[in-house]
C-alpha cells in the first residue's frame, strides 16, 4: 500500500467532536447543589423521610452524581490508556441476574447489590444490529466497536462492501482497528480473552477476514487461499510484519496476548500436542506449520506460556511480548477451571497481569479484555455458567480499576450483543435467582397453569432442559438430546451447576437477541458514553479520548 493511500486511510478516521457546554454543566451542578442546601424539605415533610433508608440512599446517590461532571475531561488525547471490556453476550437481564447471584453468594438478598462496573459514573446504551442483520453476531459487532464502521454479520475487520466467504471481494475493504492505530502510534497493545484468541471478538482487534470461521488454514476454501487470503491465526503471528509493510513504520507487535485456541496454531500431528491436550491430535492446521514456533522465532526474547505455572512466572519485569495459550480450544468456564490438567488463570488474573506488563509502555496502552464464555454459557442454555462468568468479569473490572490511574485511563465496559435470556414470574425479594419462583408473601413454590413449578430464569430458544447435577462444564449439554418444552421440576434442583433451563423453541443452540446492551465507563471522556448510541460510536469515543488517529498519523513517513 503506498504512503499516500496510507495517509488517506488514517486521515479518514480523524474525528472532529465539538463538545461544548461543560462550563454550563458545572454551573448547573453548582446551582442544583446550592438549591438543595438552601431549600431543604419543610420539617413536616422531612420527618417522614429522614428516617427512611431508601430516601437517604437515593439522596446520597444524587449528591454523588452531582460531582461527576466536575471532573469531566473534554480534551483530545486526555486518556493515556484505554481498556475496553467486552462481556460477550452480556444482556441487561444477564447483568441483573448476575448482580443478584453475586449478592446472594455473599448471603445478601441480592437485588440491592451492584457489580463493579455498575458503579462506574457514566452509562449509556449500544444498538447492536449488523448492517445486514437485525440480531447480530460477534464478528460484525466487534468490528464496529474496534473500527468505527458497522459491517455485516460474520465479517472481521472489513466494511460491509465485502461478501462473506468471498476472498476476492475483501480486497480494499479493510478498516483499521483501535489496536492497530495504537500499535502504529507506538503504544502498548494487549488482548485478553477466555475464548480462543482467534475467535471473532479478539480477532477483530488485529485481523481482517471475510469469514470469522477462517481461524486456521484448514477452515478455508482452497480458492480463498489461492486468492491470497490468510487465516486468522497466521494474521496474529505475523501482525507486526503486516503493519510495518502496509504503513511503513517500525512497530514492536502485540505486547500481551492471552487466551485459548492452541489448536489453530499447531499442525494436525500428534507430535505437536501440548502436555494438556484433550484431543488425540490437538492441532488443526493442514499446512504443517507450527505457528507457535514461528512466533518464538520472530520474538526470541518473548515469553510463551501455556499453563498456570508459566503464567505465574511472568513478573512485572518480564520481557515483552508475552503469548499465553492456555487451552486447546476455549478456556474453561470459571466454575469449571479447577478441572484443567495444567491449570488456567482466571479472567481477573489475566487482566491484572496484562496491565502490570503494559505499564512499562511510556506512551500508554490499548487493552481489550473479553469475558467470552458468558456467551457460551447462554448458547448452552446454562444460566449458572453465564452468570458466574459475568461475576468474574466484574472481578476483572475491579482489578483493572485498582491497578490504574483514573485520571489517565479510560475504562469502558460493554457487550457485543444480547441473548434470549429472561427473568419471569413474580418471585419475592431474595428468592434464589437460580431457583424456582416463590411469590411474595408465600413460602410455597408458585405453580403455572399446568400445575407445575417454574424457574425465574429461562430461555426463549435453545437445547432445552438438562439435569446434569454437579457438572460445571455447560458444553456437555451438546452431548445430550434437545429437550424443549415444560418439564416437571418438582424433584429437580434448579440451582445445581448442571441444570439447564427450559426453553420454548428447539434449536441446536440458544441464539443471540437484538435488543440494546449497556455501556459503562469511567476515566477521561467517560461522559461521552451517555445516551443511546450506534455501536460503532464506541470506537470514536476511544479514538477521540486517546487521540489514536492523531498519534498514529504523526508516526507515518513524510511524503
Protein backbone atom coordinates (compact mmCIF):
# COMPACT_ATOMS: atom_id res chain seq x y z
CA UNK A 1 0.00 0.00 0.00
CA UNK A 2 1.54 3.36 -1.00
CA UNK A 3 2.20 6.03 1.59
CA UNK A 4 -0.32 8.44 0.10
CA UNK A 5 -3.09 5.87 0.42
CA UNK A 6 -1.96 5.05 3.96
CA UNK A 7 -2.19 8.69 4.93
CA UNK A 8 -5.61 8.99 3.37
CA UNK A 9 -6.76 5.79 5.07
CA UNK A 10 -5.88 7.05 8.53
CA UNK A 11 -6.97 10.61 7.80
CA UNK A 12 -10.49 9.41 7.08
CA UNK A 13 -10.73 8.38 10.73
CA UNK A 14 -9.97 11.85 12.13
CA UNK A 15 -12.80 12.89 14.38
CA UNK A 16 -13.92 16.44 14.96
CA UNK A 17 -16.09 16.40 18.06
CA UNK A 18 -17.47 19.78 19.03
CA UNK A 19 -18.00 19.12 22.67
CA UNK A 20 -19.26 22.27 24.31
CA UNK A 21 -21.23 23.34 27.28
CA UNK A 22 -19.22 21.75 30.06
CA UNK A 23 -18.89 25.07 31.85
CA UNK A 24 -22.68 25.23 31.70
CA UNK A 25 -22.91 21.74 33.16
CA UNK A 26 -20.66 22.76 36.02
CA UNK A 27 -22.72 25.87 36.74
CA UNK A 28 -25.94 23.85 36.64
CA UNK A 29 -24.40 21.36 39.05
CA UNK A 30 -23.42 24.13 41.42
CA UNK A 31 -26.89 25.65 41.19
CA UNK A 32 -28.50 22.31 41.94
CA UNK A 33 -26.32 21.77 44.99
CA UNK A 34 -26.99 25.32 46.20
CA UNK A 35 -30.73 24.78 45.79
CA UNK A 36 -30.55 21.51 47.68
CA UNK A 37 -28.69 23.19 50.52
CA UNK A 38 -30.80 26.37 50.69
CA UNK A 39 -34.22 24.81 50.25
CA UNK A 40 -34.40 21.71 52.45
CA UNK A 41 -37.65 19.87 52.95
CA UNK A 42 -40.02 21.50 55.40
CA UNK A 43 -39.80 19.82 58.84
CA UNK A 44 -43.30 18.39 58.48
CA UNK A 45 -42.27 16.65 55.26
CA UNK A 46 -38.73 15.78 56.24
CA UNK A 47 -39.80 13.95 59.38
CA UNK A 48 -41.25 11.09 57.37
CA UNK A 49 -38.28 10.98 55.02
CA UNK A 50 -35.13 11.43 57.07
CA UNK A 51 -35.51 8.05 58.75
CA UNK A 52 -36.33 6.20 55.53
CA UNK A 53 -33.22 4.32 54.29
CA UNK A 54 -34.44 4.25 50.69
CA UNK A 55 -34.87 8.01 50.66
CA UNK A 56 -31.47 8.63 52.24
CA UNK A 57 -29.73 6.15 49.94
CA UNK A 58 -31.20 7.86 46.88
CA UNK A 59 -30.29 11.30 48.22
CA UNK A 60 -26.69 10.19 48.76
CA UNK A 61 -26.62 8.76 45.24
CA UNK A 62 -27.83 12.07 43.82
CA UNK A 63 -25.15 14.03 45.65
CA UNK A 64 -22.55 11.65 44.26
CA UNK A 65 -23.95 12.08 40.76
CA UNK A 66 -23.75 15.87 41.05
CA UNK A 67 -19.98 15.66 41.43
CA UNK A 68 -19.43 13.55 38.30
CA UNK A 69 -19.50 16.48 35.93
CA UNK A 70 -16.88 18.41 37.88
CA UNK A 71 -14.11 16.07 36.74
CA UNK A 72 -15.03 15.80 33.05
CA UNK A 73 -12.11 15.80 30.61
CA UNK A 74 -13.03 17.05 27.14
CA UNK A 75 -9.62 17.40 25.58
CA UNK A 76 -8.47 15.33 22.62
CA UNK A 77 -5.95 12.80 23.90
CA UNK A 78 -6.79 13.25 27.57
CA UNK A 79 -6.51 9.49 28.17
CA UNK A 80 -3.08 7.88 28.18
CA UNK A 81 -4.52 4.37 28.35
CA UNK A 82 -7.72 2.71 27.11
CA UNK A 83 -9.14 -0.56 28.44
CA UNK A 84 -12.17 -1.96 26.62
CA UNK A 85 -14.01 -4.77 28.42
CA UNK A 86 -16.41 -6.92 26.39
CA UNK A 87 -18.87 -9.15 28.20
CA UNK A 88 -19.69 -11.30 25.19
CA UNK A 89 -23.44 -11.86 25.15
CA UNK A 90 -23.94 -9.94 28.41
CA UNK A 91 -27.52 -8.68 28.13
CA UNK A 92 -29.22 -6.34 30.60
CA UNK A 93 -31.08 -9.36 32.03
CA UNK A 94 -27.73 -11.12 32.44
CA UNK A 95 -26.34 -8.17 34.38
CA UNK A 96 -29.41 -8.05 36.63
CA UNK A 97 -29.36 -11.78 37.35
CA UNK A 98 -25.58 -11.81 37.89
CA UNK A 99 -25.89 -8.86 40.28
CA UNK A 100 -28.47 -10.77 42.32
CA UNK A 101 -26.48 -14.03 42.30
CA UNK A 102 -23.30 -12.19 43.30
CA UNK A 103 -25.10 -10.70 46.30
CA UNK A 104 -26.77 -13.97 47.23
CA UNK A 105 -23.42 -15.77 47.19
CA UNK A 106 -22.42 -13.38 49.97
CA UNK A 107 -25.56 -14.06 51.98
CA UNK A 108 -27.48 -10.96 50.85
CA UNK A 109 -30.90 -10.81 49.22
CA UNK A 110 -29.06 -9.75 46.06
CA UNK A 111 -31.32 -7.15 44.48
CA UNK A 112 -29.59 -4.22 46.16
CA UNK A 113 -26.14 -5.42 45.10
CA UNK A 114 -24.05 -3.82 42.36
CA UNK A 115 -21.41 -5.39 40.17
CA UNK A 116 -18.18 -3.39 39.97
CA UNK A 117 -18.89 -1.88 36.58
CA UNK A 118 -22.41 -0.86 37.57
CA UNK A 119 -20.76 1.61 39.93
CA UNK A 120 -18.94 3.39 37.11
CA UNK A 121 -20.09 7.01 36.86
CA UNK A 122 -21.34 7.12 33.26
CA UNK A 123 -23.64 4.77 31.38
CA UNK A 124 -25.38 4.51 28.04
CA UNK A 125 -26.81 2.03 25.57
CA UNK A 126 -25.48 0.50 22.37
CA UNK A 127 -27.59 -0.51 19.34
CA UNK A 128 -26.08 -3.81 18.25
CA UNK A 129 -27.55 -4.67 14.85
CA UNK A 130 -25.24 -5.53 11.95
CA UNK A 131 -25.61 -3.87 8.55
CA UNK A 132 -27.36 -6.98 7.21
CA UNK A 133 -28.79 -8.45 10.45
CA UNK A 134 -31.41 -7.34 12.94
CA UNK A 135 -29.93 -9.73 15.51
CA UNK A 136 -26.14 -9.59 15.24
CA UNK A 137 -23.10 -11.79 15.64
CA UNK A 138 -19.84 -11.05 17.43
CA UNK A 139 -17.70 -10.51 14.34
CA UNK A 140 -19.78 -7.65 12.95
CA UNK A 141 -20.40 -6.07 16.34
CA UNK A 142 -16.77 -6.15 17.46
CA UNK A 143 -15.62 -4.79 14.12
CA UNK A 144 -17.98 -1.86 14.71
CA UNK A 145 -16.53 -1.17 18.16
CA UNK A 146 -12.93 -1.57 17.03
CA UNK A 147 -13.05 0.36 13.74
CA UNK A 148 -15.96 2.79 13.96
CA UNK A 149 -17.59 1.15 10.95
CA UNK A 150 -20.65 -1.12 11.11
CA UNK A 151 -20.42 -4.18 8.89
CA UNK A 152 -22.16 -7.47 8.09
CA UNK A 153 -22.52 -10.50 10.33
CA UNK A 154 -19.55 -12.87 10.17
CA UNK A 155 -17.14 -10.22 8.89
CA UNK A 156 -13.93 -9.29 10.71
CA UNK A 157 -12.10 -6.01 10.10
CA UNK A 158 -13.75 -5.32 6.74
CA UNK A 159 -16.52 -2.98 5.62
CA UNK A 160 -20.00 -4.03 4.50
CA UNK A 161 -18.86 -3.97 0.86
CA UNK A 162 -17.40 -7.46 1.24
CA UNK A 163 -19.38 -10.66 0.65
CA UNK A 164 -19.00 -13.22 3.40
CA UNK A 165 -16.68 -16.07 2.43
CA UNK A 166 -15.55 -14.32 -0.77
CA UNK A 167 -11.84 -13.60 -0.55
CA UNK A 168 -11.70 -11.62 -3.80
CA UNK A 169 -14.39 -9.23 -2.61
CA UNK A 170 -12.42 -8.38 0.54
CA UNK A 171 -9.59 -6.58 -1.23
CA UNK A 172 -9.68 -2.88 -0.49
CA UNK A 173 -12.43 -3.16 2.15
CA UNK A 174 -10.07 -3.28 5.15
CA UNK A 175 -10.85 -0.98 8.09
CA UNK A 176 -8.22 -0.05 10.63
CA UNK A 177 -8.78 -1.01 14.27
CA UNK A 178 -8.14 0.86 17.50
CA UNK A 179 -5.48 -1.70 18.40
CA UNK A 180 -3.75 -1.22 15.05
CA UNK A 181 -3.80 2.56 15.50
CA UNK A 182 -2.35 2.18 18.99
CA UNK A 183 0.37 -0.08 17.59
CA UNK A 184 1.28 2.41 14.86
CA UNK A 185 1.28 5.20 17.46
CA UNK A 186 3.91 3.35 19.49
CA UNK A 187 1.58 2.50 22.36
CA UNK A 188 1.45 -0.84 24.12
CA UNK A 189 -1.18 -3.26 22.85
CA UNK A 190 -2.85 -6.18 24.60
CA UNK A 191 -5.58 -8.78 24.17
CA UNK A 192 -7.06 -10.90 26.96
CA UNK A 193 -9.88 -13.38 26.35
CA UNK A 194 -11.35 -16.56 27.80
CA UNK A 195 -12.29 -17.65 24.27
CA UNK A 196 -9.91 -18.75 21.55
CA UNK A 197 -7.51 -15.97 20.63
CA UNK A 198 -8.66 -16.41 17.03
CA UNK A 199 -12.37 -16.22 17.89
CA UNK A 200 -14.49 -13.41 16.47
CA UNK A 201 -14.21 -10.84 19.27
CA UNK A 202 -10.44 -10.90 19.86
CA UNK A 203 -9.78 -11.44 16.14
CA UNK A 204 -11.50 -8.15 15.29
CA UNK A 205 -8.76 -6.29 17.17
CA UNK A 206 -5.99 -7.40 14.81
CA UNK A 207 -7.31 -9.39 11.81
CA UNK A 208 -9.15 -8.82 8.53
CA UNK A 209 -11.18 -11.73 7.22
CA UNK A 210 -14.29 -12.14 5.06
CA UNK A 211 -15.31 -15.07 7.27
CA UNK A 212 -14.97 -15.32 11.03
CA UNK A 213 -14.68 -19.10 10.74
CA UNK A 214 -11.32 -18.95 8.96
CA UNK A 215 -9.45 -19.38 12.24
CA UNK A 216 -6.81 -21.59 10.63
CA UNK A 217 -5.99 -22.75 7.13
CA UNK A 218 -8.00 -25.96 7.47
CA UNK A 219 -11.16 -23.85 7.79
CA UNK A 220 -10.57 -22.05 4.49
CA UNK A 221 -11.68 -22.99 0.95
CA UNK A 222 -8.87 -23.71 -1.49
CA UNK A 223 -9.97 -20.83 -3.70
CA UNK A 224 -9.61 -18.31 -0.86
CA UNK A 225 -6.07 -19.50 -0.14
CA UNK A 226 -5.17 -19.24 -3.81
CA UNK A 227 -6.53 -15.69 -3.91
CA UNK A 228 -4.19 -14.65 -1.11
CA UNK A 229 -6.43 -14.61 1.96
CA UNK A 230 -4.65 -15.56 5.18
CA UNK A 231 -6.15 -17.40 8.14
CA UNK A 232 -6.70 -15.55 11.41
CA UNK A 233 -4.05 -17.37 13.47
CA UNK A 234 -1.46 -16.62 10.80
CA UNK A 235 -2.52 -12.97 10.83
CA UNK A 236 -1.97 -12.81 14.58
CA UNK A 237 1.53 -14.29 14.48
CA UNK A 238 2.64 -12.08 11.58
CA UNK A 239 0.79 -8.96 12.71
CA UNK A 240 3.99 -6.95 13.20
CA UNK A 241 5.27 -7.68 9.70
CA UNK A 242 1.97 -6.74 8.08
CA UNK A 243 1.71 -3.43 9.92
CA UNK A 244 5.29 -2.49 9.02
CA UNK A 245 4.75 -3.41 5.38
CA UNK A 246 1.42 -1.63 4.99
CA UNK A 247 2.24 1.55 6.89
CA UNK A 248 5.99 1.92 6.55
CA UNK A 249 6.55 2.33 10.28
CA UNK A 250 8.56 0.35 12.79
CA UNK A 251 6.39 -1.39 15.41
CA UNK A 252 7.09 -3.98 18.09
CA UNK A 253 3.96 -6.12 17.65
CA UNK A 254 1.19 -7.07 20.06
CA UNK A 255 2.77 -6.92 23.51
CA UNK A 256 0.43 -9.17 25.50
CA UNK A 257 -2.00 -11.80 24.22
CA UNK A 258 -3.66 -14.35 26.48
CA UNK A 259 -6.50 -16.78 25.83
CA UNK A 260 -7.24 -20.20 24.41
CA UNK A 261 -7.10 -21.71 20.94
CA UNK A 262 -3.79 -23.57 20.58
CA UNK A 263 -5.35 -25.91 18.03
CA UNK A 264 -5.36 -23.21 15.36
CA UNK A 265 -1.63 -22.58 15.80
CA UNK A 266 -0.44 -26.21 15.64
CA UNK A 267 -0.10 -28.76 12.82
CA UNK A 268 -2.52 -31.65 12.61
CA UNK A 269 0.08 -34.01 14.02
CA UNK A 270 0.07 -35.62 17.47
CA UNK A 271 3.81 -34.96 17.73
CA UNK A 272 2.99 -31.30 18.36
CA UNK A 273 0.45 -31.93 21.15
CA UNK A 274 0.75 -29.82 24.29
CA UNK A 275 1.07 -31.60 27.67
CA UNK A 276 -2.59 -30.95 28.49
CA UNK A 277 -4.05 -31.71 25.06
CA UNK A 278 -7.59 -33.06 25.25
CA UNK A 279 -7.86 -34.41 21.71
CA UNK A 280 -5.75 -37.25 20.35
CA UNK A 281 -4.44 -34.72 17.84
CA UNK A 282 -4.54 -31.22 19.27
CA UNK A 283 -3.64 -29.21 16.18
CA UNK A 284 -5.97 -28.43 13.27
CA UNK A 285 -3.60 -26.91 10.74
CA UNK A 286 -3.26 -28.80 7.45
CA UNK A 287 -0.29 -26.80 6.16
CA UNK A 288 2.17 -28.48 8.57
CA UNK A 289 3.09 -25.11 10.08
CA UNK A 290 3.75 -24.67 13.78
CA UNK A 291 2.75 -21.06 14.34
CA UNK A 292 3.81 -21.13 17.99
CA UNK A 293 7.33 -21.99 16.83
CA UNK A 294 7.12 -19.23 14.22
CA UNK A 295 6.09 -16.73 16.91
CA UNK A 296 9.02 -17.79 19.08
CA UNK A 297 11.41 -17.33 16.15
CA UNK A 298 10.03 -13.85 15.43
CA UNK A 299 10.30 -12.93 19.13
CA UNK A 300 13.27 -14.90 20.55
CA UNK A 301 13.20 -12.66 23.61
CA UNK A 302 9.45 -13.10 24.12
CA UNK A 303 7.67 -15.32 26.64
CA UNK A 304 5.32 -18.15 25.62
CA UNK A 305 3.29 -19.77 28.41
CA UNK A 306 0.57 -22.42 28.34
CA UNK A 307 -0.32 -23.22 31.96
CA UNK A 308 -0.81 -21.71 35.41
CA UNK A 309 2.84 -22.22 36.37
CA UNK A 310 4.05 -20.41 33.29
CA UNK A 311 1.54 -17.64 33.89
CA UNK A 312 2.67 -17.12 37.47
CA UNK A 313 6.30 -16.94 36.33
CA UNK A 314 5.53 -13.72 34.45
CA UNK A 315 6.74 -10.85 36.60
CA UNK A 316 6.45 -7.13 36.07
CA UNK A 317 9.94 -7.22 34.58
CA UNK A 318 9.10 -9.98 32.08
CA UNK A 319 10.41 -9.37 28.60
CA UNK A 320 7.68 -8.48 26.13
CA UNK A 321 5.93 -9.73 24.10
CA UNK A 322 4.00 -12.37 26.02
CA UNK A 323 1.81 -15.03 24.40
CA UNK A 324 -0.32 -17.23 26.61
CA UNK A 325 -2.39 -20.04 25.05
CA UNK A 326 -3.94 -21.90 27.96
CA UNK A 327 -6.25 -24.34 26.22
CA UNK A 328 -6.66 -26.35 23.06
CA UNK A 329 -9.93 -24.54 22.35
CA UNK A 330 -11.75 -22.01 24.55
CA UNK A 331 -10.55 -21.68 28.12
CA UNK A 332 -12.65 -23.44 30.73
CA UNK A 333 -15.66 -21.87 32.36
CA UNK A 334 -14.72 -20.09 35.58
CA UNK A 335 -16.63 -22.63 37.69
CA UNK A 336 -15.00 -25.50 35.77
CA UNK A 337 -11.47 -24.06 35.77
CA UNK A 338 -10.10 -26.18 38.61
CA UNK A 339 -10.54 -29.29 36.45
CA UNK A 340 -7.89 -28.17 33.95
CA UNK A 341 -4.92 -30.53 33.91
CA UNK A 342 -2.20 -27.87 33.76
CA UNK A 343 -4.14 -25.06 35.36
CA UNK A 344 -5.57 -21.91 33.81
CA UNK A 345 -5.52 -18.34 35.11
CA UNK A 346 -8.83 -16.58 35.65
CA UNK A 347 -10.01 -13.60 33.62
CA UNK A 348 -9.31 -11.26 36.53
CA UNK A 349 -5.82 -12.69 36.98
CA UNK A 350 -5.02 -12.28 33.27
CA UNK A 351 -6.38 -8.73 33.31
CA UNK A 352 -4.24 -7.70 36.27
CA UNK A 353 -1.18 -9.37 34.73
CA UNK A 354 -1.70 -7.70 31.34
CA UNK A 355 -1.97 -4.27 32.95
CA UNK A 356 1.13 -4.94 35.03
CA UNK A 357 3.09 -5.86 31.90
CA UNK A 358 1.76 -2.98 29.78
CA UNK A 359 2.52 -0.35 32.42
CA UNK A 360 6.10 -0.37 31.16
CA UNK A 361 4.99 1.31 27.92
CA UNK A 362 5.81 5.01 28.22
CA UNK A 363 3.29 6.07 25.57
CA UNK A 364 0.39 4.31 27.23
CA UNK A 365 -1.51 1.27 26.01
CA UNK A 366 -4.69 -0.12 24.48
CA UNK A 367 -6.03 -3.30 26.09
CA UNK A 368 -9.09 -5.33 25.10
CA UNK A 369 -10.44 -7.82 27.65
CA UNK A 370 -13.20 -10.26 26.69
CA UNK A 371 -15.28 -12.42 29.00
CA UNK A 372 -16.01 -14.72 26.10
CA UNK A 373 -17.68 -17.56 27.94
CA UNK A 374 -20.72 -15.59 29.10
CA UNK A 375 -21.88 -16.06 25.53
CA UNK A 376 -21.07 -19.78 25.51
CA UNK A 377 -22.92 -20.41 28.76
CA UNK A 378 -26.04 -18.83 27.27
CA UNK A 379 -25.71 -20.73 23.99
CA UNK A 380 -25.63 -23.96 26.01
CA UNK A 381 -28.69 -22.87 28.00
CA UNK A 382 -26.77 -22.68 31.27
CA UNK A 383 -27.64 -19.61 33.29
CA UNK A 384 -25.39 -20.93 36.06
CA UNK A 385 -22.27 -20.62 33.92
CA UNK A 386 -23.28 -17.42 32.13
CA UNK A 387 -23.89 -15.64 35.43
CA UNK A 388 -20.70 -16.85 37.10
CA UNK A 389 -18.73 -15.70 34.04
CA UNK A 390 -20.37 -12.28 34.40
CA UNK A 391 -19.39 -12.13 38.06
CA UNK A 392 -15.81 -12.93 37.08
CA UNK A 393 -15.92 -10.07 34.56
CA UNK A 394 -16.96 -7.82 37.43
CA UNK A 395 -13.91 -9.01 39.35
CA UNK A 396 -11.69 -8.27 36.35
CA UNK A 397 -13.03 -4.73 36.05
CA UNK A 398 -12.44 -4.18 39.76
CA UNK A 399 -8.85 -5.39 39.38
CA UNK A 400 -8.36 -3.00 36.45
CA UNK A 401 -9.69 -0.06 38.45
CA UNK A 402 -7.41 -0.89 41.37
CA UNK A 403 -4.40 -1.16 39.04
CA UNK A 404 -4.79 2.06 37.04
CA UNK A 405 -4.82 5.81 37.50
CA UNK A 406 -8.41 7.02 36.97
CA UNK A 407 -7.15 10.38 35.72
CA UNK A 408 -5.32 8.87 32.76
CA UNK A 409 -7.15 5.63 31.94
CA UNK A 410 -10.47 5.35 30.12
CA UNK A 411 -12.26 2.12 31.05
CA UNK A 412 -15.31 1.10 29.03
CA UNK A 413 -17.38 -2.00 29.84
CA UNK A 414 -19.97 -3.14 27.33
CA UNK A 415 -21.30 -6.14 25.41
CA UNK A 416 -21.30 -7.03 21.75
CA UNK A 417 -24.86 -8.37 21.76
CA UNK A 418 -27.64 -9.76 23.91
CA UNK A 419 -29.26 -13.22 24.36
CA UNK A 420 -32.82 -14.56 24.52
CA UNK A 421 -32.48 -14.86 28.30
CA UNK A 422 -35.38 -13.84 30.54
CA UNK A 423 -36.36 -13.21 34.16
CA UNK A 424 -40.01 -14.12 34.66
CA UNK A 425 -42.79 -14.57 37.17
CA UNK A 426 -43.23 -12.65 40.41
CA UNK A 427 -40.65 -14.09 42.83
CA UNK A 428 -40.35 -12.40 46.20
CA UNK A 429 -37.31 -10.38 47.08
CA UNK A 430 -34.30 -12.53 47.93
CA UNK A 431 -35.70 -15.59 46.19
CA UNK A 432 -32.74 -17.65 44.84
CA UNK A 433 -32.18 -16.27 41.35
CA UNK A 434 -31.36 -19.76 40.01
CA UNK A 435 -34.29 -21.28 41.87
CA UNK A 436 -37.99 -21.77 41.30
CA UNK A 437 -40.40 -18.88 41.71
CA UNK A 438 -41.82 -18.34 45.19
CA UNK A 439 -44.32 -15.50 45.16
CA UNK A 440 -44.44 -12.52 47.52
CA UNK A 441 -45.85 -13.40 50.97
CA UNK A 442 -45.57 -17.13 50.26
CA UNK A 443 -43.28 -19.97 51.24
CA UNK A 444 -44.56 -22.34 48.58
CA UNK A 445 -43.32 -22.67 45.02
CA UNK A 446 -45.64 -20.88 42.59
CA UNK A 447 -47.44 -23.12 40.10
CA UNK A 448 -48.15 -22.32 36.48
CA UNK A 449 -51.50 -23.15 34.85
CA UNK A 450 -50.12 -26.61 34.04
CA UNK A 451 -49.87 -27.15 37.82
CA UNK A 452 -46.06 -27.34 37.77
CA UNK A 453 -43.41 -25.05 39.32
CA UNK A 454 -41.22 -22.89 37.11
CA UNK A 455 -37.90 -21.04 37.37
CA UNK A 456 -37.27 -17.31 37.39
CA UNK A 457 -34.68 -17.68 34.61
CA UNK A 458 -35.34 -19.17 31.22
CA UNK A 459 -34.58 -19.08 27.50
CA UNK A 460 -36.85 -18.43 24.52
CA UNK A 461 -34.98 -20.99 22.42
CA UNK A 462 -32.14 -23.48 22.53
CA UNK A 463 -31.45 -27.09 23.50
CA UNK A 464 -33.75 -27.01 26.50
CA UNK A 465 -33.92 -28.81 29.81
CA UNK A 466 -30.91 -30.69 31.19
CA UNK A 467 -30.39 -32.04 34.68
CA UNK A 468 -26.67 -32.82 34.83
CA UNK A 469 -26.33 -32.49 38.59
CA UNK A 470 -22.99 -31.10 39.75
CA UNK A 471 -21.49 -30.87 36.26
CA UNK A 472 -19.78 -27.47 35.82
CA UNK A 473 -18.99 -27.74 32.10
CA UNK A 474 -22.01 -26.26 30.31
CA UNK A 475 -20.80 -27.51 26.93
CA UNK A 476 -21.64 -31.11 27.84
CA UNK A 477 -25.23 -30.14 27.05
CA UNK A 478 -24.37 -30.65 23.40
CA UNK A 479 -23.79 -34.34 24.09
CA UNK A 480 -27.42 -34.74 25.19
CA UNK A 481 -30.54 -34.61 23.00
CA UNK A 482 -32.58 -31.43 22.61
CA UNK A 483 -35.43 -31.47 25.13
CA UNK A 484 -37.62 -28.39 24.72
CA UNK A 485 -40.86 -27.54 26.46
CA UNK A 486 -42.19 -27.76 30.00
CA UNK A 487 -40.86 -30.31 32.47
CA UNK A 488 -41.93 -31.36 35.93
CA UNK A 489 -39.37 -29.61 38.14
CA UNK A 490 -40.79 -30.74 41.48
CA UNK A 491 -37.87 -33.05 42.23
CA UNK A 492 -35.21 -31.09 40.29
CA UNK A 493 -32.58 -28.92 41.96
CA UNK A 494 -32.55 -25.98 39.56
CA UNK A 495 -29.73 -24.31 41.48
CA UNK A 496 -27.30 -27.14 40.70
CA UNK A 497 -24.41 -26.27 38.31
CA UNK A 498 -25.61 -28.82 35.75
CA UNK A 499 -29.18 -27.60 35.49
CA UNK A 500 -30.04 -26.09 32.09
CA UNK A 501 -33.20 -24.03 31.89
CA UNK A 502 -36.31 -24.98 29.95
CA UNK A 503 -36.78 -23.46 26.51
CA UNK A 504 -39.70 -22.82 24.20
CA UNK A 505 -38.30 -23.26 20.69
CA UNK A 506 -35.97 -26.21 19.96
CA UNK A 507 -32.70 -25.20 18.29
CA UNK A 508 -29.19 -26.66 18.12
CA UNK A 509 -28.01 -23.75 20.24
CA UNK A 510 -29.67 -20.83 22.03
CA UNK A 511 -29.42 -17.65 19.98
CA UNK A 512 -28.39 -14.04 20.34
CA UNK A 513 -31.02 -11.35 20.79
CA UNK A 514 -31.32 -7.97 19.12
CA UNK A 515 -32.01 -5.53 21.94
CA UNK A 516 -29.62 -2.82 23.10
CA UNK A 517 -26.83 -3.54 25.56
CA UNK A 518 -25.33 -1.37 28.27
CA UNK A 519 -22.19 0.77 28.18
CA UNK A 520 -20.42 1.66 31.44
CA UNK A 521 -17.42 3.98 31.64
CA UNK A 522 -15.00 5.80 33.90
CA UNK A 523 -11.94 7.98 33.36
CA UNK A 524 -11.19 10.74 30.86
CA UNK A 525 -14.02 11.15 28.35
CA UNK A 526 -16.26 8.62 30.10
CA UNK A 527 -19.21 11.01 29.91
CA UNK A 528 -19.28 10.55 26.13
CA UNK A 529 -20.92 7.12 26.50
CA UNK A 530 -24.09 8.72 27.89
CA UNK A 531 -27.19 8.24 25.73
CA UNK A 532 -28.21 5.67 23.13
CA UNK A 533 -25.50 5.11 20.52
CA UNK A 534 -24.89 3.21 17.36
CA UNK A 535 -22.38 0.60 18.42
CA UNK A 536 -19.62 1.94 16.18
CA UNK A 537 -19.60 5.21 18.17
CA UNK A 538 -17.67 3.38 20.91
CA UNK A 539 -14.61 3.37 18.66
CA UNK A 540 -14.94 7.08 18.04
CA UNK A 541 -15.10 7.79 21.77
CA UNK A 542 -11.91 5.80 22.40
CA UNK A 543 -10.24 7.35 19.38
CA UNK A 544 -11.05 10.89 20.45
CA UNK A 545 -10.15 10.48 24.10
CA UNK A 546 -6.81 8.74 23.38
CA UNK A 547 -6.15 10.62 20.10
CA UNK A 548 -5.29 7.31 18.46
CA UNK A 549 -5.62 8.62 14.91
CA UNK A 550 -3.62 11.75 15.61
CA UNK A 551 -0.80 9.86 17.30
CA UNK A 552 -0.71 7.21 14.57
CA UNK A 553 -0.70 9.81 11.80
CA UNK A 554 2.25 11.60 13.37
CA UNK A 555 4.39 8.46 13.06
CA UNK A 556 3.81 7.92 9.34
CA UNK A 557 6.69 8.58 6.97
CA UNK A 558 6.62 12.05 5.49
CA UNK A 559 5.59 12.30 1.87
